[in-house]
Amino acid sequence: MIISTMNDLPGYDVTAVLGEVFGLTVRSRNAVSQWGAGLKSLVGGELKGMTKNLARSREEATRRLVEEAEAKGANAILAFRFDTSELGDIWTEICAYGTAVTVVAKS
């Protein structure tokens, strides 16, 4: 699966637009990591546990995005983006989205 943040794909022709696709995951932080993050925020620095959780969430959302695009028959996703939002005090929603298309290499 070719994934591009651009609206076109240099060297390829789009042969079909199959529609919007997305992958979604919602994660909760456990109380211990939230407590540790609160302490860390007092002294500054990276919240490594939170960073790992966010990276895993992005990978999972992207995997689900690709699965949905493949189910539609796509071989590429254009205009790829992430959206993140907080749901309540401990939930984070990660959404990966884009446009599923079929492409062929230009001759």
N, C-alpha and C. Protein backbone atom coordinates (compact mmCIF):
# COMPACT_ATOMS: atom_id res chain seq x y z
N MET A 1 0.85 -1.18 0.00
CA MET A 1 0.00 0.00 0.00
C MET A 1 0.89 1.24 0.00
N ILE A 2 0.68 2.10 -0.99
CA ILE A 2 1.39 3.37 -1.03
C ILE A 2 0.56 4.37 -0.23
N ILE A 3 1.20 5.06 0.71
CA ILE A 3 0.51 6.08 1.50
C ILE A 3 1.24 7.40 1.30
N SER A 4 0.48 8.43 0.92
CA SER A 4 1.07 9.74 0.66
C SER A 4 0.24 10.83 1.33
N THR A 5 0.92 11.83 1.86
CA THR A 5 0.23 12.98 2.42
C THR A 5 -0.17 13.97 1.33
N MET A 6 0.32 13.73 0.11
CA MET A 6 0.02 14.63 -1.01
C MET A 6 -1.33 14.27 -1.62
N ASN A 7 -1.86 15.17 -2.44
CA ASN A 7 -3.14 14.93 -3.10
C ASN A 7 -2.98 14.18 -4.42
N ASP A 8 -1.75 14.05 -4.87
CA ASP A 8 -1.46 13.26 -6.06
C ASP A 8 -0.22 12.44 -5.76
N LEU A 9 0.18 11.63 -6.71
CA LEU A 9 1.31 10.75 -6.50
C LEU A 9 2.21 10.84 -7.73
N PRO A 10 3.31 11.58 -7.64
CA PRO A 10 4.20 11.73 -8.79
C PRO A 10 4.62 10.37 -9.36
N GLY A 11 4.55 10.26 -10.68
CA GLY A 11 4.92 9.02 -11.34
C GLY A 11 3.78 8.02 -11.48
N TYR A 12 2.60 8.39 -10.98
CA TYR A 12 1.43 7.49 -11.02
C TYR A 12 0.22 8.25 -11.54
N ASP A 13 -0.68 7.52 -12.18
CA ASP A 13 -1.98 8.04 -12.56
C ASP A 13 -3.02 7.41 -11.65
N VAL A 14 -3.93 8.23 -11.14
CA VAL A 14 -5.05 7.72 -10.35
C VAL A 14 -6.09 7.20 -11.32
N THR A 15 -6.44 5.93 -11.20
CA THR A 15 -7.41 5.33 -12.11
C THR A 15 -8.80 5.25 -11.50
N ALA A 16 -8.89 5.30 -10.17
CA ALA A 16 -10.21 5.28 -9.51
C ALA A 16 -10.07 5.87 -8.12
N VAL A 17 -11.07 6.64 -7.75
CA VAL A 17 -11.18 7.17 -6.39
C VAL A 17 -12.25 6.34 -5.69
N LEU A 18 -11.85 5.65 -4.64
CA LEU A 18 -12.75 4.71 -3.96
C LEU A 18 -13.39 5.28 -2.71
N GLY A 19 -12.99 6.47 -2.33
CA GLY A 19 -13.64 7.15 -1.22
C GLY A 19 -12.77 7.28 0.02
N GLU A 20 -13.34 7.97 1.00
CA GLU A 20 -12.64 8.21 2.26
C GLU A 20 -12.51 6.92 3.05
N VAL A 21 -11.37 6.76 3.68
CA VAL A 21 -11.14 5.64 4.57
C VAL A 21 -10.53 6.17 5.86
N PHE A 22 -10.76 5.45 6.95
CA PHE A 22 -10.15 5.86 8.21
C PHE A 22 -9.89 4.67 9.09
N GLY A 23 -8.96 4.86 9.99
CA GLY A 23 -8.66 3.88 11.03
C GLY A 23 -8.71 4.63 12.35
N LEU A 24 -9.33 4.02 13.33
CA LEU A 24 -9.59 4.71 14.59
C LEU A 24 -9.19 3.83 15.76
N THR A 25 -8.63 4.45 16.79
CA THR A 25 -8.39 3.76 18.05
C THR A 25 -8.59 4.76 19.18
N VAL A 26 -9.09 4.28 20.29
CA VAL A 26 -9.25 5.09 21.49
C VAL A 26 -8.49 4.40 22.60
N ARG A 27 -7.62 5.13 23.24
CA ARG A 27 -6.78 4.57 24.30
C ARG A 27 -7.04 5.29 25.61
N SER A 28 -6.91 4.54 26.69
CA SER A 28 -6.98 5.17 28.01
C SER A 28 -5.62 5.05 28.66
N ARG A 29 -5.30 6.03 29.46
CA ARG A 29 -4.06 5.99 30.22
C ARG A 29 -4.37 5.38 31.57
N ASN A 30 -3.47 4.55 32.07
CA ASN A 30 -3.73 4.00 33.39
C ASN A 30 -3.38 5.03 34.46
N ALA A 31 -3.91 4.83 35.65
CA ALA A 31 -3.76 5.81 36.73
C ALA A 31 -2.29 6.01 37.11
N VAL A 32 -1.49 4.94 37.09
CA VAL A 32 -0.09 5.05 37.47
C VAL A 32 0.67 5.92 36.47
N SER A 33 0.46 5.70 35.17
CA SER A 33 1.18 6.50 34.18
C SER A 33 0.71 7.95 34.22
N GLN A 34 -0.57 8.17 34.51
CA GLN A 34 -1.07 9.53 34.61
C GLN A 34 -0.43 10.24 35.81
N TRP A 35 -0.31 9.54 36.90
CA TRP A 35 0.30 10.09 38.10
C TRP A 35 1.76 10.43 37.82
N GLY A 36 2.47 9.48 37.17
CA GLY A 36 3.88 9.70 36.82
C GLY A 36 4.04 10.86 35.86
N ALA A 37 3.11 10.98 34.92
CA ALA A 37 3.16 12.09 33.97
C ALA A 37 2.95 13.42 34.68
N GLY A 38 2.08 13.42 35.66
CA GLY A 38 1.85 14.63 36.44
C GLY A 38 3.10 15.07 37.17
N LEU A 39 3.80 14.10 37.77
CA LEU A 39 5.05 14.42 38.46
C LEU A 39 6.10 14.92 37.47
N LYS A 40 6.21 14.24 36.34
CA LYS A 40 7.22 14.61 35.33
C LYS A 40 6.96 16.02 34.79
N SER A 41 5.69 16.38 34.69
CA SER A 41 5.38 17.71 34.16
C SER A 41 5.85 18.82 35.10
N LEU A 42 6.06 18.51 36.35
CA LEU A 42 6.57 19.51 37.29
C LEU A 42 8.03 19.85 37.02
N VAL A 43 8.80 18.86 36.55
CA VAL A 43 10.23 19.09 36.33
C VAL A 43 10.59 19.19 34.85
N GLY A 44 9.67 18.85 33.98
CA GLY A 44 9.92 18.93 32.55
C GLY A 44 10.54 17.67 32.00
N GLY A 45 10.50 17.52 30.70
CA GLY A 45 11.08 16.36 30.04
C GLY A 45 10.04 15.55 29.31
N GLU A 46 10.54 14.59 28.54
CA GLU A 46 9.66 13.73 27.75
C GLU A 46 8.92 12.75 28.64
N LEU A 47 7.66 12.52 28.32
CA LEU A 47 6.85 11.52 28.99
C LEU A 47 6.94 10.24 28.15
N LYS A 48 7.96 9.44 28.40
CA LYS A 48 8.27 8.30 27.53
C LYS A 48 7.14 7.29 27.44
N GLY A 49 6.46 7.03 28.53
CA GLY A 49 5.33 6.10 28.50
C GLY A 49 4.21 6.61 27.61
N MET A 50 3.95 7.89 27.70
CA MET A 50 2.91 8.49 26.86
C MET A 50 3.34 8.49 25.39
N THR A 51 4.62 8.75 25.14
CA THR A 51 5.13 8.75 23.78
C THR A 51 4.98 7.36 23.16
N LYS A 52 5.34 6.32 23.90
CA LYS A 52 5.20 4.94 23.39
C LYS A 52 3.74 4.61 23.11
N ASN A 53 2.86 5.01 24.01
CA ASN A 53 1.44 4.74 23.82
C ASN A 53 0.90 5.45 22.58
N LEU A 54 1.30 6.70 22.38
CA LEU A 54 0.85 7.44 21.21
C LEU A 54 1.39 6.82 19.93
N ALA A 55 2.65 6.41 19.92
CA ALA A 55 3.24 5.77 18.74
C ALA A 55 2.51 4.47 18.40
N ARG A 56 2.21 3.65 19.42
CA ARG A 56 1.45 2.41 19.20
C ARG A 56 0.07 2.71 18.66
N SER A 57 -0.56 3.74 19.19
CA SER A 57 -1.90 4.12 18.74
C SER A 57 -1.89 4.56 17.28
N ARG A 58 -0.89 5.34 16.89
CA ARG A 58 -0.78 5.78 15.50
C ARG A 58 -0.57 4.59 14.57
N GLU A 59 0.27 3.64 14.98
CA GLU A 59 0.51 2.44 14.18
C GLU A 59 -0.77 1.63 14.03
N GLU A 60 -1.52 1.49 15.10
CA GLU A 60 -2.77 0.73 15.06
C GLU A 60 -3.80 1.42 14.17
N ALA A 61 -3.93 2.73 14.30
CA ALA A 61 -4.87 3.48 13.47
C ALA A 61 -4.49 3.37 11.99
N THR A 62 -3.19 3.45 11.69
CA THR A 62 -2.73 3.33 10.31
C THR A 62 -2.99 1.93 9.76
N ARG A 63 -2.76 0.90 10.58
CA ARG A 63 -3.03 -0.47 10.14
C ARG A 63 -4.51 -0.63 9.79
N ARG A 64 -5.38 -0.10 10.63
CA ARG A 64 -6.82 -0.19 10.37
C ARG A 64 -7.21 0.60 9.12
N LEU A 65 -6.57 1.73 8.89
CA LEU A 65 -6.80 2.52 7.69
C LEU A 65 -6.44 1.70 6.45
N VAL A 66 -5.28 1.07 6.47
CA VAL A 66 -4.83 0.26 5.33
C VAL A 66 -5.79 -0.92 5.10
N GLU A 67 -6.23 -1.56 6.16
CA GLU A 67 -7.17 -2.68 6.02
C GLU A 67 -8.46 -2.24 5.35
N GLU A 68 -8.97 -1.07 5.73
CA GLU A 68 -10.20 -0.57 5.12
C GLU A 68 -9.99 -0.23 3.65
N ALA A 69 -8.84 0.37 3.34
CA ALA A 69 -8.54 0.71 1.95
C ALA A 69 -8.40 -0.56 1.10
N GLU A 70 -7.71 -1.57 1.63
CA GLU A 70 -7.56 -2.83 0.90
C GLU A 70 -8.92 -3.49 0.67
N ALA A 71 -9.81 -3.41 1.65
CA ALA A 71 -11.15 -4.00 1.50
C ALA A 71 -11.93 -3.33 0.38
N LYS A 72 -11.61 -2.08 0.08
CA LYS A 72 -12.27 -1.36 -1.02
C LYS A 72 -11.58 -1.60 -2.35
N GLY A 73 -10.44 -2.30 -2.33
CA GLY A 73 -9.71 -2.57 -3.56
C GLY A 73 -8.64 -1.55 -3.89
N ALA A 74 -8.28 -0.71 -2.95
CA ALA A 74 -7.28 0.34 -3.20
C ALA A 74 -5.87 -0.23 -3.14
N ASN A 75 -4.97 0.43 -3.85
CA ASN A 75 -3.55 0.12 -3.72
C ASN A 75 -2.75 1.34 -3.28
N ALA A 76 -3.48 2.44 -2.96
CA ALA A 76 -2.83 3.64 -2.45
C ALA A 76 -3.83 4.46 -1.63
N ILE A 77 -3.27 5.29 -0.77
CA ILE A 77 -4.07 6.23 0.03
C ILE A 77 -3.43 7.60 -0.16
N LEU A 78 -4.24 8.56 -0.57
CA LEU A 78 -3.76 9.93 -0.76
C LEU A 78 -4.33 10.84 0.32
N ALA A 79 -3.71 12.00 0.50
CA ALA A 79 -4.13 13.00 1.48
C ALA A 79 -4.20 12.41 2.89
N PHE A 80 -3.23 11.57 3.21
CA PHE A 80 -3.15 10.91 4.51
C PHE A 80 -2.94 11.92 5.63
N ARG A 81 -3.71 11.78 6.69
CA ARG A 81 -3.62 12.68 7.85
C ARG A 81 -3.90 11.90 9.14
N PHE A 82 -3.48 12.51 10.26
CA PHE A 82 -3.84 12.04 11.59
C PHE A 82 -4.65 13.13 12.27
N ASP A 83 -5.57 12.72 13.10
CA ASP A 83 -6.30 13.64 13.96
C ASP A 83 -6.30 13.04 15.36
N THR A 84 -6.05 13.85 16.35
CA THR A 84 -6.00 13.39 17.73
C THR A 84 -6.90 14.28 18.57
N SER A 85 -7.66 13.66 19.46
CA SER A 85 -8.48 14.45 20.37
C SER A 85 -8.57 13.76 21.72
N GLU A 86 -8.81 14.55 22.72
CA GLU A 86 -8.98 14.04 24.08
C GLU A 86 -10.46 13.81 24.33
N LEU A 87 -10.78 12.67 24.90
CA LEU A 87 -12.15 12.35 25.27
C LEU A 87 -12.17 12.19 26.78
N GLY A 88 -12.67 13.16 27.47
CA GLY A 88 -12.61 13.12 28.92
C GLY A 88 -11.19 13.37 29.40
N ASP A 89 -10.92 12.98 30.63
CA ASP A 89 -9.61 13.24 31.22
C ASP A 89 -8.56 12.18 30.90
N ILE A 90 -8.99 10.97 30.51
CA ILE A 90 -7.99 9.90 30.36
C ILE A 90 -8.04 9.17 29.03
N TRP A 91 -8.92 9.54 28.12
CA TRP A 91 -9.02 8.86 26.84
C TRP A 91 -8.47 9.73 25.73
N THR A 92 -7.76 9.10 24.83
CA THR A 92 -7.24 9.78 23.65
C THR A 92 -7.71 9.04 22.41
N GLU A 93 -8.29 9.78 21.48
CA GLU A 93 -8.72 9.21 20.21
C GLU A 93 -7.69 9.56 19.15
N ILE A 94 -7.27 8.55 18.39
CA ILE A 94 -6.35 8.74 17.27
C ILE A 94 -7.08 8.27 16.01
N CYS A 95 -7.16 9.13 15.02
CA CYS A 95 -7.81 8.78 13.76
C CYS A 95 -6.83 9.03 12.62
N ALA A 96 -6.60 8.00 11.82
CA ALA A 96 -5.82 8.13 10.59
C ALA A 96 -6.82 8.11 9.44
N TYR A 97 -6.70 9.05 8.50
CA TYR A 97 -7.68 9.08 7.42
C TYR A 97 -7.04 9.56 6.12
N GLY A 98 -7.72 9.25 5.05
CA GLY A 98 -7.25 9.65 3.73
C GLY A 98 -8.25 9.20 2.67
N THR A 99 -7.84 9.27 1.42
CA THR A 99 -8.67 8.89 0.29
C THR A 99 -8.10 7.62 -0.34
N ALA A 100 -8.92 6.58 -0.40
CA ALA A 100 -8.50 5.32 -1.03
C ALA A 100 -8.61 5.46 -2.54
N VAL A 101 -7.54 5.07 -3.23
CA VAL A 101 -7.50 5.18 -4.69
C VAL A 101 -6.80 3.95 -5.27
N THR A 102 -7.00 3.76 -6.57
CA THR A 102 -6.14 2.82 -7.29
C THR A 102 -5.26 3.65 -8.21
N VAL A 103 -4.02 3.26 -8.30
CA VAL A 103 -3.05 3.97 -9.12
C VAL A 103 -2.29 2.98 -10.00
N VAL A 104 -1.78 3.48 -11.10
CA VAL A 104 -0.88 2.73 -11.98
C VAL A 104 0.31 3.62 -12.30
N ALA A 105 1.46 3.00 -12.43
CA ALA A 105 2.67 3.75 -12.76
C ALA A 105 2.53 4.33 -14.17
N LYS A 106 3.00 5.57 -14.32
CA LYS A 106 2.97 6.19 -15.65
C LYS A 106 3.99 5.49 -16.55
N SER A 107 3.64 5.40 -17.83
CA SER A 107 4.56 4.76 -18.77
C SER A 107 5.67 5.66 -19.18
